[in-house]
Amino acid sequence: MDIVMQGADLESLIAEVFPQVANDFRVEAVTEDGIRLRLRVAEKHLRPGGTVSGPSIFALADCAMYMAVMSRIGPEALTVTTSCSIDFMRKPKAGRDLLCDLRLLKLGRSLAVGDCLITREGGSAPVARAALTYSIPPSG
């Protein structure tokens, strides 16, 4: 899978199509088989008890998949999530960012499938893992 968009281009695309969350994420690397995305954990991402909320963790996985697909097909804003299964394994406490390592397992003409592992910065124990499928609109 050839890489057609790198980190700065992906961040610009997110700022254009999803400005409400653009400052939450930073592309750490576009890798040979996917992407590494950072969630800049802030107060708005926390749930009672001072841990990162499930919706924020889901957003990290979903945004990582979106950016990974865009990094391969270019800016196709209408690519959408069709399926996501997420397992929450640990409650990540506030104070450190979360990192999502997403691997594209399949990139076809109409569907993309990915798997990701989310960890807390500086830690190795998984916080969550997710499997995602995206629908890619027909060209033209």
N, C-alpha and C. Protein backbone atom coordinates (compact mmCIF):
# COMPACT_ATOMS: atom_id res chain seq x y z
N MET A 1 0.84 -1.18 0.00
CA MET A 1 0.00 0.00 0.00
C MET A 1 0.89 1.24 0.00
N ASP A 2 0.83 1.96 -1.07
CA ASP A 2 1.64 3.17 -1.19
C ASP A 2 1.09 4.28 -0.30
N ILE A 3 1.99 5.04 0.27
CA ILE A 3 1.61 6.18 1.10
C ILE A 3 1.51 7.41 0.20
N VAL A 4 0.33 8.07 0.23
CA VAL A 4 0.13 9.24 -0.61
C VAL A 4 -0.03 10.52 0.21
N MET A 5 -0.26 10.39 1.53
CA MET A 5 -0.36 11.55 2.42
C MET A 5 0.43 11.27 3.68
N GLN A 6 1.21 12.25 4.13
CA GLN A 6 1.99 12.13 5.35
C GLN A 6 1.31 12.89 6.48
N GLY A 7 1.95 12.94 7.64
CA GLY A 7 1.38 13.51 8.84
C GLY A 7 0.82 14.91 8.72
N ALA A 8 1.61 15.86 8.20
CA ALA A 8 1.15 17.24 8.11
C ALA A 8 -0.05 17.37 7.19
N ASP A 9 -0.05 16.62 6.09
CA ASP A 9 -1.19 16.64 5.17
C ASP A 9 -2.44 16.07 5.83
N LEU A 10 -2.28 15.00 6.59
CA LEU A 10 -3.41 14.39 7.28
C LEU A 10 -3.97 15.33 8.34
N GLU A 11 -3.10 15.98 9.08
CA GLU A 11 -3.56 16.92 10.10
C GLU A 11 -4.29 18.10 9.46
N SER A 12 -3.83 18.56 8.32
CA SER A 12 -4.51 19.64 7.60
C SER A 12 -5.89 19.19 7.12
N LEU A 13 -5.97 17.96 6.64
CA LEU A 13 -7.26 17.43 6.20
C LEU A 13 -8.25 17.36 7.36
N ILE A 14 -7.80 16.87 8.50
CA ILE A 14 -8.68 16.79 9.68
C ILE A 14 -9.12 18.18 10.10
N ALA A 15 -8.23 19.15 10.06
CA ALA A 15 -8.58 20.53 10.42
C ALA A 15 -9.65 21.09 9.48
N GLU A 16 -9.62 20.64 8.23
CA GLU A 16 -10.60 21.11 7.25
C GLU A 16 -11.95 20.42 7.42
N VAL A 17 -11.95 19.08 7.56
CA VAL A 17 -13.23 18.35 7.57
C VAL A 17 -13.79 18.11 8.96
N PHE A 18 -12.95 18.10 9.99
CA PHE A 18 -13.39 17.90 11.37
C PHE A 18 -12.71 18.90 12.30
N PRO A 19 -12.95 20.20 12.08
CA PRO A 19 -12.25 21.21 12.88
C PRO A 19 -12.53 21.11 14.37
N GLN A 20 -13.67 20.53 14.74
CA GLN A 20 -14.03 20.44 16.16
C GLN A 20 -13.10 19.53 16.95
N VAL A 21 -12.37 18.63 16.29
CA VAL A 21 -11.46 17.72 17.00
C VAL A 21 -10.01 17.81 16.52
N ALA A 22 -9.75 18.70 15.59
CA ALA A 22 -8.42 18.74 14.96
C ALA A 22 -7.29 18.92 15.96
N ASN A 23 -7.48 19.70 17.00
CA ASN A 23 -6.41 19.93 17.97
C ASN A 23 -6.23 18.79 18.96
N ASP A 24 -7.13 17.83 18.94
CA ASP A 24 -7.04 16.70 19.87
C ASP A 24 -5.99 15.67 19.46
N PHE A 25 -5.67 15.62 18.17
CA PHE A 25 -4.85 14.54 17.63
C PHE A 25 -3.58 15.05 16.98
N ARG A 26 -2.54 14.21 17.05
CA ARG A 26 -1.29 14.50 16.33
C ARG A 26 -0.78 13.20 15.71
N VAL A 27 -0.44 13.27 14.44
CA VAL A 27 0.13 12.11 13.76
C VAL A 27 1.57 11.96 14.21
N GLU A 28 1.87 10.86 14.84
CA GLU A 28 3.24 10.57 15.27
C GLU A 28 4.04 9.97 14.12
N ALA A 29 3.40 9.11 13.33
CA ALA A 29 4.07 8.48 12.19
C ALA A 29 3.06 7.84 11.27
N VAL A 30 3.34 7.93 9.98
CA VAL A 30 2.65 7.11 9.00
C VAL A 30 3.60 5.96 8.74
N THR A 31 3.16 4.76 9.06
CA THR A 31 4.04 3.59 9.02
C THR A 31 3.82 2.77 7.75
N GLU A 32 4.65 1.78 7.58
CA GLU A 32 4.55 0.91 6.42
C GLU A 32 3.17 0.24 6.32
N ASP A 33 2.60 -0.10 7.47
CA ASP A 33 1.32 -0.81 7.44
C ASP A 33 0.17 -0.07 8.11
N GLY A 34 0.37 1.21 8.46
CA GLY A 34 -0.72 1.94 9.11
C GLY A 34 -0.32 3.32 9.58
N ILE A 35 -0.62 3.59 10.86
CA ILE A 35 -0.38 4.92 11.41
C ILE A 35 -0.25 4.84 12.92
N ARG A 36 0.46 5.80 13.49
CA ARG A 36 0.51 5.98 14.94
C ARG A 36 -0.04 7.37 15.22
N LEU A 37 -1.13 7.41 16.01
CA LEU A 37 -1.82 8.66 16.29
C LEU A 37 -1.86 8.91 17.79
N ARG A 38 -1.66 10.16 18.18
CA ARG A 38 -1.66 10.57 19.59
C ARG A 38 -2.95 11.32 19.90
N LEU A 39 -3.57 10.97 21.01
CA LEU A 39 -4.65 11.77 21.59
C LEU A 39 -4.02 12.64 22.65
N ARG A 40 -4.11 13.94 22.47
CA ARG A 40 -3.60 14.90 23.46
C ARG A 40 -4.65 15.01 24.56
N VAL A 41 -4.48 14.22 25.58
CA VAL A 41 -5.49 14.12 26.64
C VAL A 41 -5.60 15.46 27.37
N ALA A 42 -6.83 15.95 27.45
CA ALA A 42 -7.14 17.22 28.13
C ALA A 42 -8.33 16.97 29.06
N GLU A 43 -8.68 17.96 29.82
CA GLU A 43 -9.79 17.86 30.78
C GLU A 43 -11.08 17.39 30.11
N LYS A 44 -11.33 17.85 28.89
CA LYS A 44 -12.57 17.48 28.19
C LYS A 44 -12.65 16.00 27.84
N HIS A 45 -11.53 15.28 27.91
CA HIS A 45 -11.51 13.85 27.59
C HIS A 45 -11.74 12.96 28.81
N LEU A 46 -11.89 13.56 29.97
CA LEU A 46 -11.95 12.78 31.21
C LEU A 46 -13.38 12.52 31.64
N ARG A 47 -13.53 11.41 32.32
CA ARG A 47 -14.81 11.04 32.93
C ARG A 47 -14.64 11.20 34.43
N PRO A 48 -15.75 11.13 35.20
CA PRO A 48 -15.62 11.19 36.66
C PRO A 48 -14.62 10.14 37.15
N GLY A 49 -13.80 10.52 38.09
CA GLY A 49 -12.77 9.63 38.59
C GLY A 49 -11.41 9.91 37.99
N GLY A 50 -11.35 10.83 37.01
CA GLY A 50 -10.07 11.23 36.46
C GLY A 50 -9.45 10.26 35.47
N THR A 51 -10.28 9.48 34.77
CA THR A 51 -9.75 8.59 33.73
C THR A 51 -10.27 9.04 32.37
N VAL A 52 -9.56 8.65 31.32
CA VAL A 52 -9.96 9.02 29.96
C VAL A 52 -11.25 8.27 29.62
N SER A 53 -12.21 8.99 29.07
CA SER A 53 -13.53 8.43 28.79
C SER A 53 -13.51 7.46 27.61
N GLY A 54 -14.46 6.54 27.62
CA GLY A 54 -14.63 5.60 26.52
C GLY A 54 -14.86 6.29 25.19
N PRO A 55 -15.74 7.32 25.13
CA PRO A 55 -15.93 8.01 23.85
C PRO A 55 -14.65 8.65 23.32
N SER A 56 -13.78 9.12 24.19
CA SER A 56 -12.51 9.71 23.74
C SER A 56 -11.59 8.63 23.19
N ILE A 57 -11.59 7.46 23.82
CA ILE A 57 -10.77 6.34 23.34
C ILE A 57 -11.30 5.86 21.99
N PHE A 58 -12.64 5.78 21.88
CA PHE A 58 -13.23 5.39 20.59
C PHE A 58 -12.84 6.40 19.50
N ALA A 59 -12.92 7.70 19.83
CA ALA A 59 -12.57 8.73 18.85
C ALA A 59 -11.14 8.57 18.36
N LEU A 60 -10.23 8.20 19.26
CA LEU A 60 -8.84 7.98 18.87
C LEU A 60 -8.73 6.84 17.87
N ALA A 61 -9.39 5.72 18.15
CA ALA A 61 -9.35 4.57 17.24
C ALA A 61 -9.98 4.93 15.89
N ASP A 62 -11.12 5.59 15.92
CA ASP A 62 -11.84 5.93 14.70
C ASP A 62 -11.05 6.93 13.85
N CYS A 63 -10.50 7.93 14.48
CA CYS A 63 -9.71 8.93 13.77
C CYS A 63 -8.43 8.31 13.19
N ALA A 64 -7.83 7.39 13.93
CA ALA A 64 -6.63 6.72 13.43
C ALA A 64 -6.95 5.92 12.16
N MET A 65 -8.09 5.23 12.16
CA MET A 65 -8.49 4.46 10.98
C MET A 65 -8.74 5.39 9.80
N TYR A 66 -9.47 6.48 10.06
CA TYR A 66 -9.76 7.45 9.00
C TYR A 66 -8.46 7.98 8.39
N MET A 67 -7.54 8.40 9.25
CA MET A 67 -6.27 8.95 8.76
C MET A 67 -5.43 7.89 8.05
N ALA A 68 -5.44 6.67 8.55
CA ALA A 68 -4.67 5.60 7.89
C ALA A 68 -5.19 5.36 6.48
N VAL A 69 -6.51 5.33 6.33
CA VAL A 69 -7.09 5.13 5.00
C VAL A 69 -6.75 6.33 4.10
N MET A 70 -6.90 7.54 4.61
CA MET A 70 -6.58 8.73 3.82
C MET A 70 -5.11 8.74 3.41
N SER A 71 -4.25 8.22 4.27
CA SER A 71 -2.82 8.21 3.95
C SER A 71 -2.53 7.33 2.74
N ARG A 72 -3.44 6.43 2.43
CA ARG A 72 -3.26 5.52 1.29
C ARG A 72 -4.07 5.93 0.06
N ILE A 73 -5.27 6.48 0.25
CA ILE A 73 -6.13 6.77 -0.91
C ILE A 73 -6.19 8.26 -1.23
N GLY A 74 -5.69 9.11 -0.35
CA GLY A 74 -5.79 10.55 -0.55
C GLY A 74 -7.06 11.09 0.09
N PRO A 75 -7.28 12.39 -0.03
CA PRO A 75 -8.38 13.05 0.68
C PRO A 75 -9.76 12.69 0.10
N GLU A 76 -10.38 11.71 0.69
CA GLU A 76 -11.73 11.29 0.30
C GLU A 76 -12.60 11.41 1.55
N ALA A 77 -13.10 12.63 1.78
CA ALA A 77 -13.77 12.97 3.04
C ALA A 77 -14.98 12.11 3.35
N LEU A 78 -15.64 11.55 2.34
CA LEU A 78 -16.87 10.78 2.58
C LEU A 78 -16.63 9.31 2.89
N THR A 79 -15.40 8.93 3.15
CA THR A 79 -15.10 7.59 3.65
C THR A 79 -15.64 7.51 5.07
N VAL A 80 -16.39 6.45 5.39
CA VAL A 80 -17.09 6.40 6.68
C VAL A 80 -16.90 5.06 7.40
N THR A 81 -17.07 5.11 8.72
CA THR A 81 -17.04 3.92 9.55
C THR A 81 -18.28 3.08 9.27
N THR A 82 -18.10 1.79 9.01
CA THR A 82 -19.25 0.90 8.88
C THR A 82 -19.33 -0.08 10.04
N SER A 83 -18.21 -0.29 10.71
CA SER A 83 -18.20 -1.22 11.84
C SER A 83 -17.04 -0.90 12.75
N CYS A 84 -17.29 -1.04 14.05
CA CYS A 84 -16.21 -0.90 15.03
C CYS A 84 -16.55 -1.76 16.23
N SER A 85 -15.59 -2.56 16.63
CA SER A 85 -15.70 -3.35 17.85
C SER A 85 -14.52 -2.95 18.72
N ILE A 86 -14.81 -2.52 19.94
CA ILE A 86 -13.73 -2.04 20.79
C ILE A 86 -13.80 -2.74 22.14
N ASP A 87 -12.64 -3.14 22.64
CA ASP A 87 -12.51 -3.75 23.96
C ASP A 87 -11.74 -2.78 24.84
N PHE A 88 -12.38 -2.35 25.93
CA PHE A 88 -11.73 -1.48 26.90
C PHE A 88 -11.12 -2.37 27.97
N MET A 89 -9.80 -2.30 28.15
CA MET A 89 -9.11 -3.23 29.04
C MET A 89 -8.62 -2.60 30.33
N ARG A 90 -8.26 -1.33 30.29
CA ARG A 90 -7.76 -0.65 31.49
C ARG A 90 -8.26 0.78 31.49
N LYS A 91 -8.39 1.36 32.68
CA LYS A 91 -8.79 2.76 32.80
C LYS A 91 -7.53 3.63 32.78
N PRO A 92 -7.31 4.35 31.69
CA PRO A 92 -6.12 5.21 31.65
C PRO A 92 -6.34 6.48 32.46
N LYS A 93 -5.49 6.69 33.44
CA LYS A 93 -5.59 7.89 34.28
C LYS A 93 -5.12 9.12 33.50
N ALA A 94 -5.62 10.27 33.92
CA ALA A 94 -5.21 11.54 33.31
C ALA A 94 -3.72 11.76 33.56
N GLY A 95 -3.14 12.64 32.77
CA GLY A 95 -1.74 13.00 32.99
C GLY A 95 -0.82 12.57 31.88
N ARG A 96 -1.26 11.62 31.07
CA ARG A 96 -0.45 11.18 29.93
C ARG A 96 -1.34 11.03 28.71
N ASP A 97 -0.76 11.28 27.55
CA ASP A 97 -1.49 11.11 26.30
C ASP A 97 -1.69 9.62 26.01
N LEU A 98 -2.61 9.34 25.09
CA LEU A 98 -2.82 7.98 24.61
C LEU A 98 -2.26 7.87 23.20
N LEU A 99 -1.72 6.70 22.87
CA LEU A 99 -1.17 6.42 21.55
C LEU A 99 -1.92 5.26 20.92
N CYS A 100 -2.26 5.42 19.66
CA CYS A 100 -2.97 4.38 18.92
C CYS A 100 -2.09 3.91 17.77
N ASP A 101 -1.76 2.64 17.77
CA ASP A 101 -1.03 2.04 16.66
C ASP A 101 -2.02 1.25 15.83
N LEU A 102 -2.34 1.78 14.64
CA LEU A 102 -3.32 1.14 13.78
C LEU A 102 -2.62 0.48 12.60
N ARG A 103 -3.05 -0.75 12.35
CA ARG A 103 -2.51 -1.52 11.22
C ARG A 103 -3.63 -1.79 10.24
N LEU A 104 -3.44 -1.36 8.99
CA LEU A 104 -4.41 -1.67 7.95
C LEU A 104 -4.23 -3.12 7.53
N LEU A 105 -5.28 -3.90 7.68
CA LEU A 105 -5.22 -5.31 7.32
C LEU A 105 -5.63 -5.55 5.88
N LYS A 106 -6.55 -4.69 5.38
CA LYS A 106 -7.03 -4.80 4.00
C LYS A 106 -7.41 -3.42 3.53
N LEU A 107 -7.03 -3.10 2.32
CA LEU A 107 -7.46 -1.86 1.69
C LEU A 107 -7.89 -2.21 0.28
N GLY A 108 -9.21 -2.29 0.10
CA GLY A 108 -9.77 -2.60 -1.21
C GLY A 108 -10.34 -1.37 -1.86
N ARG A 109 -11.09 -1.57 -2.94
CA ARG A 109 -11.71 -0.44 -3.64
C ARG A 109 -12.87 0.14 -2.86
N SER A 110 -13.59 -0.71 -2.10
CA SER A 110 -14.78 -0.21 -1.40
C SER A 110 -14.74 -0.40 0.11
N LEU A 111 -13.84 -1.23 0.61
CA LEU A 111 -13.75 -1.47 2.06
C LEU A 111 -12.30 -1.45 2.53
N ALA A 112 -12.13 -0.97 3.75
CA ALA A 112 -10.82 -1.03 4.42
C ALA A 112 -11.05 -1.63 5.80
N VAL A 113 -10.14 -2.48 6.22
CA VAL A 113 -10.23 -3.14 7.52
C VAL A 113 -8.94 -2.87 8.29
N GLY A 114 -9.10 -2.48 9.56
CA GLY A 114 -7.94 -2.18 10.37
C GLY A 114 -8.08 -2.69 11.79
N ASP A 115 -6.96 -2.80 12.46
CA ASP A 115 -6.92 -3.26 13.85
C ASP A 115 -5.98 -2.32 14.60
N CYS A 116 -6.37 -1.92 15.81
CA CYS A 116 -5.49 -1.02 16.53
C CYS A 116 -5.34 -1.41 17.99
N LEU A 117 -4.23 -0.98 18.54
CA LEU A 117 -3.92 -1.17 19.94
C LEU A 117 -3.65 0.21 20.52
N ILE A 118 -4.31 0.52 21.62
CA ILE A 118 -4.17 1.82 22.27
C ILE A 118 -3.47 1.64 23.60
N THR A 119 -2.41 2.43 23.80
CA THR A 119 -1.64 2.38 25.03
C THR A 119 -1.52 3.79 25.60
N ARG A 120 -1.13 3.85 26.86
CA ARG A 120 -0.86 5.12 27.51
C ARG A 120 0.60 5.47 27.25
N GLU A 121 0.88 6.73 26.95
CA GLU A 121 2.25 7.15 26.69
C GLU A 121 3.16 6.69 27.84
N GLY A 122 4.26 6.05 27.49
CA GLY A 122 5.20 5.56 28.48
C GLY A 122 4.84 4.20 29.05
N GLY A 123 3.72 3.64 28.62
CA GLY A 123 3.30 2.32 29.11
C GLY A 123 3.24 1.32 27.99
N SER A 124 3.23 0.06 28.35
CA SER A 124 3.14 -0.98 27.32
C SER A 124 1.85 -1.78 27.43
N ALA A 125 1.18 -1.72 28.58
CA ALA A 125 -0.07 -2.47 28.75
C ALA A 125 -1.19 -1.81 27.93
N PRO A 126 -1.91 -2.60 27.14
CA PRO A 126 -2.98 -2.02 26.33
C PRO A 126 -4.11 -1.43 27.18
N VAL A 127 -4.57 -0.27 26.76
CA VAL A 127 -5.74 0.37 27.35
C VAL A 127 -6.99 -0.15 26.65
N ALA A 128 -6.89 -0.29 25.32
CA ALA A 128 -8.01 -0.78 24.51
C ALA A 128 -7.47 -1.34 23.21
N ARG A 129 -8.31 -2.14 22.56
CA ARG A 129 -8.02 -2.59 21.20
C ARG A 129 -9.30 -2.48 20.42
N ALA A 130 -9.18 -2.22 19.14
CA ALA A 130 -10.37 -2.05 18.31
C ALA A 130 -10.14 -2.65 16.93
N ALA A 131 -11.22 -3.16 16.36
CA ALA A 131 -11.25 -3.63 14.97
C ALA A 131 -12.26 -2.75 14.24
N LEU A 132 -11.85 -2.17 13.12
CA LEU A 132 -12.70 -1.23 12.40
C LEU A 132 -12.79 -1.60 10.92
N THR A 133 -13.95 -1.31 10.34
CA THR A 133 -14.16 -1.45 8.90
C THR A 133 -14.69 -0.12 8.39
N TYR A 134 -14.14 0.33 7.28
CA TYR A 134 -14.54 1.59 6.66
C TYR A 134 -15.05 1.34 5.26
N SER A 135 -16.04 2.12 4.86
CA SER A 135 -16.55 2.08 3.50
C SER A 135 -15.92 3.24 2.72
N ILE A 136 -15.40 2.92 1.55
CA ILE A 136 -14.79 3.91 0.68
C ILE A 136 -15.75 4.17 -0.48
N PRO A 137 -16.14 5.43 -0.70
CA PRO A 137 -17.10 5.69 -1.78
C PRO A 137 -16.48 5.42 -3.14
N PRO A 138 -17.33 5.10 -4.12
CA PRO A 138 -16.82 4.84 -5.47
C PRO A 138 -16.15 6.07 -6.03
N SER A 139 -15.09 5.86 -6.82
CA SER A 139 -14.39 6.98 -7.45
C SER A 139 -15.26 7.56 -8.56
N GLY A 140 -15.09 8.87 -8.76
CA GLY A 140 -15.77 9.53 -9.86
C GLY A 140 -17.10 10.00 -9.47
